[in-house]
Amino acid sequence: METNPNEAIPNLTPVKLDKDGNVNLEVITTEETAKYREIAKSLEPSDVNSILNYGSEAQNSMEKYSNDFLASVRTYNSGEVGGLINELLTELNYIDVSELEQSGFKSFISRIPFLKNLVVDVKKLFQKYDVVVNNIDKITNKIKAGRLNSIKDNTALQTMFDSNVSYIKQMEDLIISGQLRYNELQLKLAEMEGRPADYQDYEIADLRDFTSRLDKRLADMKIVRFIMLQSLAQIRVVQNNNTSIAEKAQSIVSTTIPVWKNQLTIAVALQRQKANVEMQKKVSDTTNTILQKNAEMLKQNSIDVAKENEKTVVSLETLKMTTSSLIETLNEVKQIHEAGAQSRKVLDGELKTLEAELKKNVTRVS
């Protein structure tokens, strides 16, 4: 049976520490055992801080590198790239080629004094296009800078990736060494618990507590190792995102922007061409409209003048109305005079009666 040279060869090397953090001490060689015992020699039950300090140098080194990376990385990030692209799209959407329609007619109308305030100045329209193009050039430069920053970030992230791989290897050595030391102490504890008369109670209790704390420390280190393994995949995802962002930025700068500017130039030229034709048509239409309006106005004015010339100074209807009103006025005045005379006669009679009663009553009093 022929062997395919491209076929992946399975890894048959025994694993000392699997992905779940389980240690297989049976595959450790004598030389490796000596190395791991040297690493774990600081784990002494007589030193209460030896477990706390175990692996601290590696953790401090990793923390320092992370801090240095965060301090050196630029404030630029993928969110800023997305913002720049959105800003660019906003500028592109700000351009509406349909705004150029009828621009020639607007230019013609703007020359008419009493209509020029009713339309948009065509110069301002094209000035807006010039401003947008300048803004796009500025944004394009920012996107170019953003692309370079994405590449720089990926370089820094690769350094971080390599450092994490080295840190994981250190953690694995610490875990294997600690597990080897833990097994040795477990055997020692079992021996002491089997011969309690040969040891003080506190010695057995201290060793039992030490092995328990060491087991917890190893569990914590396994969790940290697992998190660091996850971080490798996370870094790759971030790097892939940065690569996608850089590629998109490059595509916009090298393809989208030149094509858009080219098409905008053609659109402006075509609309100006269309505007010239529309202007000529509008001039003819306006001339016809003015002639028709003038003809209609001349006809109506002539009719109105003829009607007014045929009328008398004062119409018969007006004379009838004023005569009727005058007669009504005279009749009402006559009625008012007659009513006033009658009222005075009644008043005289009443006054004589009141005077007689007054004299009569005055005499009685005397």
Protein backbone atom coordinates (compact mmCIF):
# COMPACT_ATOMS: atom_id res chain seq x y z
CA MET A 1 0.00 0.00 0.00
CA GLU A 2 1.42 3.35 -1.06
CA THR A 3 1.76 6.14 1.47
CA ASN A 4 0.44 9.59 0.67
CA PRO A 5 3.21 12.07 1.57
CA ASN A 6 0.58 14.81 2.06
CA GLU A 7 -1.38 12.77 4.59
CA ALA A 8 -1.10 14.08 8.15
CA ILE A 9 1.03 11.87 10.40
CA PRO A 10 -0.57 11.37 13.84
CA ASN A 11 1.41 12.50 16.87
CA LEU A 12 2.42 9.35 18.74
CA THR A 13 4.53 11.17 21.34
CA PRO A 14 3.16 10.47 24.86
CA VAL A 15 1.46 13.51 26.35
CA LYS A 16 2.71 14.56 29.79
CA LEU A 17 -0.10 17.14 30.26
CA ASP A 18 -3.35 17.01 28.28
CA LYS A 19 -5.62 19.96 27.44
CA ASP A 20 -7.68 19.35 30.58
CA GLY A 21 -4.61 19.72 32.78
CA ASN A 22 -4.25 16.05 33.68
CA VAL A 23 -0.60 15.08 34.35
CA ASN A 24 0.79 11.71 33.23
CA LEU A 25 3.97 11.19 35.22
CA GLU A 26 4.49 7.71 33.76
CA VAL A 27 5.84 9.12 30.50
CA ILE A 28 8.41 11.37 32.20
CA THR A 29 12.02 10.31 31.68
CA THR A 30 14.64 10.21 34.39
CA GLU A 31 16.29 13.35 33.04
CA GLU A 32 12.95 15.17 32.97
CA THR A 33 12.18 14.03 36.50
CA ALA A 34 15.41 15.60 37.72
CA LYS A 35 14.52 18.84 35.92
CA TYR A 36 11.02 18.97 37.39
CA ARG A 37 12.31 18.23 40.90
CA GLU A 38 14.72 21.14 40.54
CA ILE A 39 11.80 23.42 39.58
CA ALA A 40 9.71 22.19 42.51
CA LYS A 41 12.47 22.24 45.12
CA SER A 42 11.09 25.51 46.50
CA LEU A 43 7.91 23.69 47.61
CA GLU A 44 8.93 22.98 51.18
CA PRO A 45 6.32 22.28 53.88
CA SER A 46 8.49 24.23 56.31
CA ASP A 47 8.01 27.41 54.22
CA VAL A 48 4.39 28.56 54.53
CA ASN A 49 4.82 31.01 51.63
CA SER A 50 6.41 28.54 49.20
CA ILE A 51 3.04 27.63 47.64
CA LEU A 52 2.02 31.29 47.34
CA ASN A 53 5.29 32.15 45.59
CA TYR A 54 5.29 29.06 43.37
CA GLY A 55 5.15 30.25 39.72
CA SER A 56 4.90 33.91 40.72
CA GLU A 57 7.96 34.88 38.66
CA ALA A 58 6.40 33.54 35.46
CA GLN A 59 3.09 35.27 36.23
CA ASN A 60 4.81 38.57 37.00
CA SER A 61 6.76 38.34 33.75
CA MET A 62 3.55 37.70 31.78
CA GLU A 63 1.70 40.52 33.54
CA LYS A 64 4.55 42.94 32.81
CA TYR A 65 4.49 42.04 29.13
CA SER A 66 0.70 42.51 28.97
CA ASN A 67 1.00 45.92 30.62
CA ASP A 68 3.77 46.94 28.21
CA PHE A 69 1.65 45.84 25.25
CA LEU A 70 -1.42 47.77 26.43
CA ALA A 71 0.71 50.85 27.09
CA SER A 72 2.35 50.74 23.66
CA VAL A 73 -0.69 49.95 21.55
CA ARG A 74 -2.17 53.00 19.82
CA THR A 75 -5.60 54.36 20.68
CA TYR A 76 -6.57 53.31 17.15
CA ASN A 77 -8.72 50.15 17.08
CA SER A 78 -11.10 48.27 14.84
CA GLY A 79 -13.98 50.40 16.11
CA GLU A 80 -12.25 53.50 14.75
CA VAL A 81 -11.81 51.84 11.36
CA GLY A 82 -15.49 51.01 11.26
CA GLY A 83 -16.28 54.60 12.22
CA LEU A 84 -14.08 55.95 9.41
CA ILE A 85 -15.74 53.69 6.87
CA ASN A 86 -19.19 54.75 8.09
CA GLU A 87 -18.10 58.38 7.84
CA LEU A 88 -16.96 57.75 4.28
CA LEU A 89 -20.29 56.13 3.39
CA THR A 90 -22.09 59.12 4.90
CA GLU A 91 -20.14 61.43 2.62
CA LEU A 92 -20.91 59.22 -0.38
CA ASN A 93 -24.62 59.18 0.45
CA TYR A 94 -24.50 62.97 0.79
CA ILE A 95 -23.91 63.10 -2.95
CA ASP A 96 -27.20 62.86 -4.82
CA VAL A 97 -26.73 63.00 -8.59
CA SER A 98 -30.45 63.68 -9.01
CA GLU A 99 -29.85 67.09 -7.42
CA LEU A 100 -28.19 68.10 -10.67
CA GLU A 101 -31.43 67.67 -12.60
CA GLN A 102 -32.90 70.91 -13.98
CA SER A 103 -29.76 72.74 -12.87
CA GLY A 104 -29.60 74.45 -16.27
CA PHE A 105 -33.11 75.78 -15.87
CA LYS A 106 -32.26 76.97 -12.37
CA SER A 107 -29.26 78.79 -13.81
CA PHE A 108 -31.51 80.44 -16.40
CA ILE A 109 -34.13 81.41 -13.81
CA SER A 110 -31.48 82.80 -11.46
CA ARG A 111 -30.70 85.47 -14.08
CA ILE A 112 -34.27 86.82 -13.83
CA PRO A 113 -34.24 89.47 -11.04
CA PHE A 114 -37.66 88.74 -9.52
CA LEU A 115 -37.19 84.91 -9.63
CA LYS A 116 -33.56 84.41 -8.62
CA ASN A 117 -34.44 84.11 -4.89
CA LEU A 118 -36.81 81.23 -5.61
CA VAL A 119 -34.13 78.75 -6.74
CA VAL A 120 -30.90 77.27 -5.34
CA ASP A 121 -27.72 78.87 -6.58
CA VAL A 122 -26.16 76.37 -8.99
CA LYS A 123 -22.67 77.43 -7.95
CA LYS A 124 -23.42 76.42 -4.37
CA LEU A 125 -24.57 73.02 -5.61
CA PHE A 126 -21.25 72.29 -7.31
CA GLN A 127 -19.33 73.84 -4.42
CA LYS A 128 -20.95 71.21 -2.19
CA TYR A 129 -19.56 68.50 -4.47
CA ASP A 130 -16.09 70.00 -4.21
CA VAL A 131 -16.34 70.06 -0.39
CA VAL A 132 -17.48 66.42 -0.27
CA VAL A 133 -14.62 65.31 -2.51
CA ASN A 134 -12.13 67.10 -0.25
CA ASN A 135 -13.69 65.46 2.81
CA ILE A 136 -13.43 62.05 1.15
CA ASP A 137 -9.74 62.65 0.44
CA LYS A 138 -9.19 63.42 4.13
CA ILE A 139 -11.11 60.33 5.25
CA THR A 140 -9.23 58.22 2.71
CA ASN A 141 -5.93 59.28 4.27
CA LYS A 142 -7.29 58.32 7.70
CA ILE A 143 -8.36 54.92 6.38
CA LYS A 144 -4.88 54.39 4.95
CA ALA A 145 -3.40 55.20 8.36
CA GLY A 146 -5.92 52.86 9.97
CA ARG A 147 -4.88 50.04 7.65
CA LEU A 148 -1.24 50.52 8.69
CA ASN A 149 -2.26 50.51 12.36
CA SER A 150 -4.15 47.23 11.86
CA ILE A 151 -1.01 45.69 10.41
CA LYS A 152 1.09 47.07 13.30
CA ASP A 153 -1.42 45.72 15.83
CA ASN A 154 -1.24 42.29 14.23
CA THR A 155 2.55 42.35 14.55
CA ALA A 156 2.26 43.22 18.24
CA LEU A 157 -0.43 40.57 18.70
CA GLN A 158 1.84 37.97 17.08
CA THR A 159 4.55 38.85 19.59
CA MET A 160 1.96 38.45 22.34
CA PHE A 161 0.89 35.10 20.83
CA ASP A 162 4.47 33.81 20.86
CA SER A 163 4.92 35.07 24.44
CA ASN A 164 1.73 33.27 25.51
CA VAL A 165 2.98 30.04 23.97
CA SER A 166 6.21 30.39 25.96
CA TYR A 167 4.23 31.25 29.11
CA ILE A 168 2.00 28.19 28.65
CA LYS A 169 5.09 26.02 28.39
CA GLN A 170 6.42 27.51 31.65
CA MET A 171 3.06 26.88 33.31
CA GLU A 172 3.07 23.28 32.10
CA ASP A 173 6.53 22.73 33.56
CA LEU A 174 5.36 24.25 36.86
CA ILE A 175 2.22 22.10 36.90
CA ILE A 176 4.12 18.88 36.14
CA SER A 177 6.78 19.76 38.71
CA GLY A 178 4.14 20.62 41.28
CA GLN A 179 2.23 17.41 40.56
CA LEU A 180 5.43 15.39 40.98
CA ARG A 181 6.11 17.14 44.29
CA TYR A 182 2.47 16.66 45.35
CA ASN A 183 2.68 12.91 44.73
CA GLU A 184 5.89 12.69 46.74
CA LEU A 185 4.33 14.61 49.63
CA GLN A 186 1.23 12.43 49.46
CA LEU A 187 3.42 9.36 49.88
CA LYS A 188 5.20 11.06 52.77
CA LEU A 189 1.87 11.97 54.38
CA ALA A 190 0.59 8.40 53.99
CA GLU A 191 3.78 7.11 55.68
CA MET A 192 3.38 9.61 58.57
CA GLU A 193 -0.30 8.77 59.01
CA GLY A 194 0.61 5.05 59.00
CA ARG A 195 3.13 5.58 61.83
CA PRO A 196 1.59 8.43 63.87
CA ALA A 197 3.58 7.50 66.98
CA ASP A 198 6.81 8.46 65.21
CA TYR A 199 5.61 12.03 64.48
CA GLN A 200 4.09 14.95 66.29
CA ASP A 201 0.39 15.59 65.61
CA TYR A 202 1.10 19.09 64.32
CA GLU A 203 3.67 17.70 61.84
CA ILE A 204 1.06 15.44 60.27
CA ALA A 205 -1.55 18.24 60.31
CA ASP A 206 0.89 20.73 58.75
CA LEU A 207 1.84 18.35 55.95
CA ARG A 208 -1.82 17.50 55.32
CA ASP A 209 -2.65 21.21 55.11
CA PHE A 210 0.36 21.88 52.87
CA THR A 211 -0.57 19.16 50.37
CA SER A 212 -4.17 20.41 50.31
CA ARG A 213 -3.05 23.97 49.58
CA LEU A 214 -0.62 22.71 46.93
CA ASP A 215 -3.45 20.79 45.26
CA LYS A 216 -5.54 24.01 45.14
CA ARG A 217 -2.57 25.95 43.77
CA LEU A 218 -2.09 23.38 41.02
CA ALA A 219 -5.81 23.58 40.19
CA ASP A 220 -5.57 27.37 39.87
CA MET A 221 -2.51 27.07 37.64
CA LYS A 222 -4.35 24.59 35.42
CA ILE A 223 -7.20 27.09 35.04
CA VAL A 224 -4.75 29.86 34.15
CA ARG A 225 -3.10 27.56 31.59
CA PHE A 226 -6.48 26.76 30.06
CA ILE A 227 -7.33 30.48 29.85
CA MET A 228 -4.01 31.15 28.17
CA LEU A 229 -4.76 28.36 25.67
CA GLN A 230 -8.05 30.12 24.93
CA SER A 231 -6.23 33.40 24.51
CA LEU A 232 -4.27 31.92 21.63
CA ALA A 233 -7.50 31.37 19.70
CA GLN A 234 -8.76 34.81 20.74
CA ILE A 235 -5.59 36.49 19.47
CA ARG A 236 -5.99 34.70 16.14
CA VAL A 237 -9.60 35.93 15.87
CA VAL A 238 -8.49 39.51 16.57
CA GLN A 239 -5.69 39.19 14.02
CA ASN A 240 -8.11 37.84 11.41
CA ASN A 241 -10.50 40.72 12.11
CA ASN A 242 -7.67 43.23 11.72
CA THR A 243 -6.66 41.58 8.46
CA SER A 244 -10.26 41.79 7.17
CA ILE A 245 -10.46 45.44 8.18
CA ALA A 246 -7.15 46.22 6.48
CA GLU A 247 -8.24 44.41 3.32
CA LYS A 248 -11.57 46.25 3.28
CA ALA A 249 -9.84 49.58 3.78
CA GLN A 250 -7.41 48.77 0.97
CA SER A 251 -10.30 47.80 -1.32
CA ILE A 252 -12.12 51.07 -0.61
CA VAL A 253 -9.02 53.19 -1.16
CA SER A 254 -7.80 51.41 -4.31
CA THR A 255 -11.13 50.52 -5.97
CA THR A 256 -14.25 52.15 -4.58
CA ILE A 257 -13.02 55.75 -4.27
CA PRO A 258 -11.46 56.03 -7.78
CA VAL A 259 -14.51 54.44 -9.41
CA TRP A 260 -16.87 56.70 -7.48
CA LYS A 261 -14.96 59.86 -8.39
CA ASN A 262 -14.82 58.78 -12.03
CA GLN A 263 -18.55 58.15 -12.17
CA LEU A 264 -19.32 61.41 -10.37
CA THR A 265 -17.31 63.33 -12.96
CA ILE A 266 -19.23 61.65 -15.78
CA ALA A 267 -22.54 62.31 -14.01
CA VAL A 268 -21.75 66.01 -13.59
CA ALA A 269 -20.72 66.32 -17.26
CA LEU A 270 -23.88 64.57 -18.46
CA GLN A 271 -26.11 66.71 -16.26
CA ARG A 272 -24.47 69.89 -17.49
CA GLN A 273 -25.01 68.70 -21.05
CA LYS A 274 -28.64 67.97 -20.25
CA ALA A 275 -28.95 71.36 -18.57
CA ASN A 276 -27.91 73.17 -21.76
CA VAL A 277 -30.63 71.43 -23.76
CA GLU A 278 -33.21 72.10 -21.06
CA MET A 279 -32.19 75.75 -20.90
CA GLN A 280 -32.84 76.19 -24.63
CA LYS A 281 -36.17 74.43 -24.31
CA LYS A 282 -37.18 76.51 -21.31
CA VAL A 283 -36.29 79.73 -23.13
CA SER A 284 -38.59 78.76 -26.01
CA ASP A 285 -41.35 77.66 -23.64
CA THR A 286 -41.04 80.87 -21.64
CA THR A 287 -41.23 82.98 -24.80
CA ASN A 288 -44.39 81.18 -25.94
CA THR A 289 -45.91 81.52 -22.49
CA ILE A 290 -45.22 85.27 -22.37
CA LEU A 291 -46.78 85.79 -25.83
CA GLN A 292 -49.87 83.79 -24.91
CA LYS A 293 -50.31 85.60 -21.60
CA ASN A 294 -49.90 88.99 -23.26
CA ALA A 295 -52.49 88.09 -25.92
CA GLU A 296 -54.98 86.95 -23.28
CA MET A 297 -54.39 90.08 -21.20
CA LEU A 298 -54.80 92.35 -24.28
CA LYS A 299 -58.11 90.68 -25.14
CA GLN A 300 -59.48 90.99 -21.59
CA ASN A 301 -58.33 94.61 -21.22
CA SER A 302 -59.96 95.57 -24.52
CA ILE A 303 -63.27 94.03 -23.47
CA ASP A 304 -63.19 95.74 -20.08
CA VAL A 305 -62.38 99.17 -21.61
CA ALA A 306 -65.22 98.87 -24.17
CA LYS A 307 -67.75 98.00 -21.47
CA GLU A 308 -66.72 100.93 -19.30
CA ASN A 309 -66.89 103.39 -22.21
CA GLU A 310 -70.52 102.43 -22.95
CA LYS A 311 -71.70 103.20 -19.44
CA THR A 312 -73.32 106.66 -18.52
CA VAL A 313 -71.85 108.89 -15.85
CA VAL A 314 -74.57 107.79 -13.40
CA SER A 315 -76.54 104.65 -14.04
CA LEU A 316 -80.37 104.52 -14.02
CA GLU A 317 -80.30 102.02 -11.19
CA THR A 318 -78.32 104.47 -9.07
CA LEU A 319 -80.81 107.31 -9.74
CA LYS A 320 -83.76 105.09 -8.84
CA MET A 321 -82.09 104.07 -5.61
CA THR A 322 -81.21 107.64 -4.57
CA THR A 323 -84.74 108.94 -5.40
CA SER A 324 -86.40 106.16 -3.42
CA SER A 325 -84.10 106.84 -0.51
CA LEU A 326 -84.85 110.58 -0.59
CA ILE A 327 -88.63 110.00 -0.55
CA GLU A 328 -88.33 107.63 2.37
CA THR A 329 -86.23 110.19 4.23
CA LEU A 330 -88.81 113.02 3.73
CA ASN A 331 -91.68 110.79 4.87
CA GLU A 332 -89.84 109.73 8.01
CA VAL A 333 -88.96 113.37 8.87
CA LYS A 334 -92.64 114.41 8.43
CA GLN A 335 -93.80 111.60 10.70
CA ILE A 336 -91.28 112.62 13.34
CA HIS A 337 -92.55 116.25 13.29
CA GLU A 338 -96.19 115.18 13.60
CA ALA A 339 -95.42 112.83 16.43
CA GLY A 340 -93.54 115.63 18.24
CA ALA A 341 -96.46 118.08 17.91
CA GLN A 342 -98.91 115.51 19.28
CA SER A 343 -96.61 114.77 22.20
CA ARG A 344 -96.42 118.46 23.09
CA LYS A 345 -100.29 118.81 23.17
CA VAL A 346 -100.52 115.88 25.54
CA LEU A 347 -97.80 117.40 27.67
CA ASP A 348 -99.60 120.78 27.94
CA GLY A 349 -102.81 119.09 29.18
CA GLU A 350 -100.97 117.06 31.73
CA LEU A 351 -99.11 120.12 33.03
CA LYS A 352 -102.40 122.07 33.55
CA THR A 353 -103.87 119.16 35.52
CA LEU A 354 -100.78 118.90 37.72
CA GLU A 355 -100.80 122.68 38.35
CA ALA A 356 -104.48 122.63 39.47
CA GLU A 357 -103.87 119.78 41.93
CA LEU A 358 -100.85 121.59 43.32
CA LYS A 359 -102.80 124.81 44.01
CA LYS A 360 -105.63 122.86 45.60
CA ASN A 361 -103.40 121.15 48.07
CA VAL A 362 -101.45 124.34 48.92
CA THR A 363 -104.76 126.13 49.86
CA ARG A 364 -105.74 123.36 52.25
CA VAL A 365 -102.52 123.60 54.08
CA SER A 366 -102.91 127.32 54.67
